[in-house]
Amino acid sequence: MTDLYNQRDMEMKKYQVFKEEKRLEAEEKAIYNANAIIIQAWWRGVMVRRKLGPYKPKKSRGRGKKQKK
């Protein structure tokens, strides 16, 4: 009976260690994700302020005021 108890006790301890490792990995991944979002937002702000990349102003197609010849 004690052998069965000790065997199951070891299995539960291994499971608890495994569960703790998974929790720590999830927390670390969440921190990296939050930091990546902050960096991306900063970079997009830079691009918008400098009007670079896809944030360039649209070119007019000549439908504004007519110029005299």
N, C-alpha and C. Protein backbone atom coordinates (compact mmCIF):
# COMPACT_ATOMS: atom_id res chain seq x y z
N MET A 1 0.82 -1.19 0.00
CA MET A 1 0.00 0.00 0.00
C MET A 1 0.87 1.27 0.00
N THR A 2 1.93 1.25 0.79
CA THR A 2 2.80 2.43 0.84
C THR A 2 3.55 2.61 -0.48
N ASP A 3 3.86 1.50 -1.15
CA ASP A 3 4.53 1.61 -2.45
C ASP A 3 3.63 2.32 -3.46
N LEU A 4 2.35 1.96 -3.46
CA LEU A 4 1.39 2.59 -4.37
C LEU A 4 1.26 4.07 -4.04
N TYR A 5 1.21 4.40 -2.73
CA TYR A 5 1.11 5.79 -2.30
C TYR A 5 2.34 6.58 -2.74
N ASN A 6 3.51 6.02 -2.53
CA ASN A 6 4.75 6.71 -2.89
C ASN A 6 4.85 6.92 -4.40
N GLN A 7 4.41 5.94 -5.17
CA GLN A 7 4.44 6.05 -6.63
C GLN A 7 3.53 7.18 -7.11
N ARG A 8 2.32 7.21 -6.56
CA ARG A 8 1.37 8.27 -6.97
C ARG A 8 1.81 9.64 -6.45
N ASP A 9 2.42 9.66 -5.29
CA ASP A 9 2.93 10.91 -4.74
C ASP A 9 4.01 11.48 -5.65
N MET A 10 4.91 10.63 -6.15
CA MET A 10 5.95 11.07 -7.07
C MET A 10 5.34 11.60 -8.37
N GLU A 11 4.32 10.91 -8.87
CA GLU A 11 3.65 11.36 -10.10
C GLU A 11 3.02 12.73 -9.90
N MET A 12 2.39 12.96 -8.75
CA MET A 12 1.77 14.25 -8.49
C MET A 12 2.81 15.36 -8.36
N LYS A 13 3.93 15.06 -7.74
CA LYS A 13 5.00 16.06 -7.62
C LYS A 13 5.56 16.42 -8.99
N LYS A 14 5.74 15.41 -9.85
CA LYS A 14 6.21 15.68 -11.21
C LYS A 14 5.20 16.53 -11.98
N TYR A 15 3.90 16.22 -11.79
CA TYR A 15 2.86 16.99 -12.47
C TYR A 15 2.85 18.43 -11.98
N GLN A 16 3.03 18.65 -10.68
CA GLN A 16 3.05 20.01 -10.14
C GLN A 16 4.23 20.80 -10.68
N VAL A 17 5.38 20.16 -10.80
CA VAL A 17 6.56 20.83 -11.37
C VAL A 17 6.30 21.18 -12.83
N PHE A 18 5.72 20.23 -13.58
CA PHE A 18 5.40 20.46 -14.98
C PHE A 18 4.42 21.62 -15.13
N LYS A 19 3.39 21.63 -14.28
CA LYS A 19 2.38 22.69 -14.33
C LYS A 19 3.00 24.05 -14.01
N GLU A 20 3.89 24.10 -13.04
CA GLU A 20 4.55 25.35 -12.68
C GLU A 20 5.43 25.86 -13.83
N GLU A 21 6.14 24.96 -14.50
CA GLU A 21 6.97 25.34 -15.64
C GLU A 21 6.11 25.92 -16.75
N LYS A 22 4.98 25.30 -17.03
CA LYS A 22 4.08 25.80 -18.07
C LYS A 22 3.53 27.17 -17.71
N ARG A 23 3.22 27.39 -16.42
CA ARG A 23 2.70 28.69 -15.98
C ARG A 23 3.77 29.77 -16.17
N LEU A 24 5.01 29.45 -15.80
CA LEU A 24 6.10 30.41 -15.96
C LEU A 24 6.35 30.74 -17.43
N GLU A 25 6.28 29.73 -18.29
CA GLU A 25 6.44 29.96 -19.73
C GLU A 25 5.34 30.87 -20.26
N ALA A 26 4.11 30.65 -19.81
CA ALA A 26 2.99 31.48 -20.26
C ALA A 26 3.16 32.93 -19.80
N GLU A 27 3.63 33.12 -18.56
CA GLU A 27 3.86 34.48 -18.07
C GLU A 27 4.96 35.17 -18.87
N GLU A 28 6.03 34.45 -19.17
CA GLU A 28 7.13 35.02 -19.93
C GLU A 28 6.66 35.40 -21.34
N LYS A 29 5.86 34.54 -21.94
CA LYS A 29 5.34 34.82 -23.27
C LYS A 29 4.44 36.05 -23.26
N ALA A 30 3.63 36.20 -22.21
CA ALA A 30 2.75 37.36 -22.09
C ALA A 30 3.57 38.65 -21.96
N ILE A 31 4.66 38.59 -21.21
CA ILE A 31 5.52 39.77 -21.05
C ILE A 31 6.17 40.15 -22.37
N TYR A 32 6.70 39.15 -23.10
CA TYR A 32 7.29 39.43 -24.41
C TYR A 32 6.26 40.02 -25.37
N ASN A 33 5.05 39.49 -25.34
CA ASN A 33 3.99 39.97 -26.22
C ASN A 33 3.64 41.42 -25.90
N ALA A 34 3.51 41.75 -24.62
CA ALA A 34 3.20 43.12 -24.22
C ALA A 34 4.31 44.07 -24.65
N ASN A 35 5.56 43.67 -24.49
CA ASN A 35 6.68 44.52 -24.90
C ASN A 35 6.70 44.70 -26.42
N ALA A 36 6.39 43.64 -27.16
CA ALA A 36 6.36 43.76 -28.62
C ALA A 36 5.28 44.74 -29.06
N ILE A 37 4.13 44.72 -28.40
CA ILE A 37 3.05 45.64 -28.74
C ILE A 37 3.49 47.08 -28.49
N ILE A 38 4.18 47.32 -27.39
CA ILE A 38 4.65 48.67 -27.07
C ILE A 38 5.64 49.16 -28.13
N ILE A 39 6.57 48.30 -28.53
CA ILE A 39 7.57 48.67 -29.54
C ILE A 39 6.90 48.93 -30.88
N GLN A 40 5.94 48.09 -31.27
CA GLN A 40 5.25 48.29 -32.55
C GLN A 40 4.46 49.60 -32.55
N ALA A 41 3.81 49.91 -31.45
CA ALA A 41 3.04 51.16 -31.38
C ALA A 41 3.97 52.36 -31.49
N TRP A 42 5.12 52.29 -30.82
CA TRP A 42 6.08 53.38 -30.92
C TRP A 42 6.56 53.55 -32.36
N TRP A 43 6.89 52.43 -33.01
CA TRP A 43 7.41 52.49 -34.38
C TRP A 43 6.35 53.05 -35.34
N ARG A 44 5.12 52.62 -35.20
CA ARG A 44 4.06 53.15 -36.06
C ARG A 44 3.87 54.64 -35.83
N GLY A 45 4.00 55.09 -34.59
CA GLY A 45 3.90 56.52 -34.30
C GLY A 45 5.00 57.29 -35.00
N VAL A 46 6.21 56.75 -34.99
CA VAL A 46 7.34 57.38 -35.70
C VAL A 46 7.03 57.46 -37.19
N MET A 47 6.54 56.37 -37.75
CA MET A 47 6.25 56.33 -39.19
C MET A 47 5.16 57.35 -39.55
N VAL A 48 4.15 57.48 -38.71
CA VAL A 48 3.07 58.43 -39.00
C VAL A 48 3.59 59.86 -38.90
N ARG A 49 4.35 60.16 -37.85
CA ARG A 49 4.85 61.54 -37.68
C ARG A 49 5.80 61.94 -38.81
N ARG A 50 6.55 61.00 -39.32
CA ARG A 50 7.49 61.31 -40.41
C ARG A 50 6.89 61.09 -41.79
N LYS A 51 5.68 60.60 -41.82
CA LYS A 51 4.94 60.35 -43.07
C LYS A 51 5.73 59.42 -43.98
N LEU A 52 6.12 58.27 -43.45
CA LEU A 52 6.89 57.29 -44.19
C LEU A 52 6.07 56.02 -44.39
N GLY A 53 6.53 55.18 -45.32
CA GLY A 53 5.89 53.88 -45.53
C GLY A 53 4.46 54.02 -46.01
N PRO A 54 3.56 53.21 -45.48
CA PRO A 54 2.17 53.28 -45.92
C PRO A 54 1.44 54.50 -45.39
N TYR A 55 2.10 55.34 -44.59
CA TYR A 55 1.46 56.50 -43.99
C TYR A 55 1.77 57.78 -44.76
N LYS A 56 2.23 57.64 -46.00
CA LYS A 56 2.50 58.81 -46.83
C LYS A 56 1.18 59.47 -47.19
N PRO A 57 1.20 60.80 -47.36
CA PRO A 57 -0.04 61.46 -47.79
C PRO A 57 -0.38 61.04 -49.22
N LYS A 58 -1.64 60.93 -49.49
CA LYS A 58 -2.11 60.54 -50.82
C LYS A 58 -1.83 61.67 -51.80
N LYS A 59 -1.41 61.28 -52.99
CA LYS A 59 -1.15 62.28 -54.03
C LYS A 59 -2.48 62.65 -54.68
N SER A 60 -2.63 63.94 -54.98
CA SER A 60 -3.86 64.38 -55.64
C SER A 60 -3.79 63.99 -57.12
N ARG A 61 -4.93 63.76 -57.69
CA ARG A 61 -5.00 63.31 -59.08
C ARG A 61 -5.37 64.45 -60.04
N GLY A 62 -5.14 65.67 -59.63
CA GLY A 62 -5.39 66.78 -60.53
C GLY A 62 -6.86 67.21 -60.55
N ARG A 63 -7.59 66.87 -59.56
CA ARG A 63 -9.01 67.25 -59.53
C ARG A 63 -9.24 68.50 -58.68
N GLY A 64 -8.18 69.17 -58.37
CA GLY A 64 -8.28 70.39 -57.58
C GLY A 64 -8.61 71.58 -58.48
N LYS A 65 -8.03 72.71 -58.18
CA LYS A 65 -8.26 73.92 -58.97
C LYS A 65 -7.59 73.77 -60.34
N LYS A 66 -8.26 74.30 -61.34
CA LYS A 66 -7.68 74.28 -62.69
C LYS A 66 -6.70 75.44 -62.83
N GLN A 67 -5.57 75.14 -63.46
CA GLN A 67 -4.58 76.19 -63.68
C GLN A 67 -4.83 76.83 -65.04
N LYS A 68 -4.59 78.13 -65.12
CA LYS A 68 -4.77 78.86 -66.37
C LYS A 68 -3.53 78.68 -67.25
N LYS A 69 -3.74 78.59 -68.54
CA LYS A 69 -2.64 78.45 -69.48
C LYS A 69 -2.16 79.77 -69.97
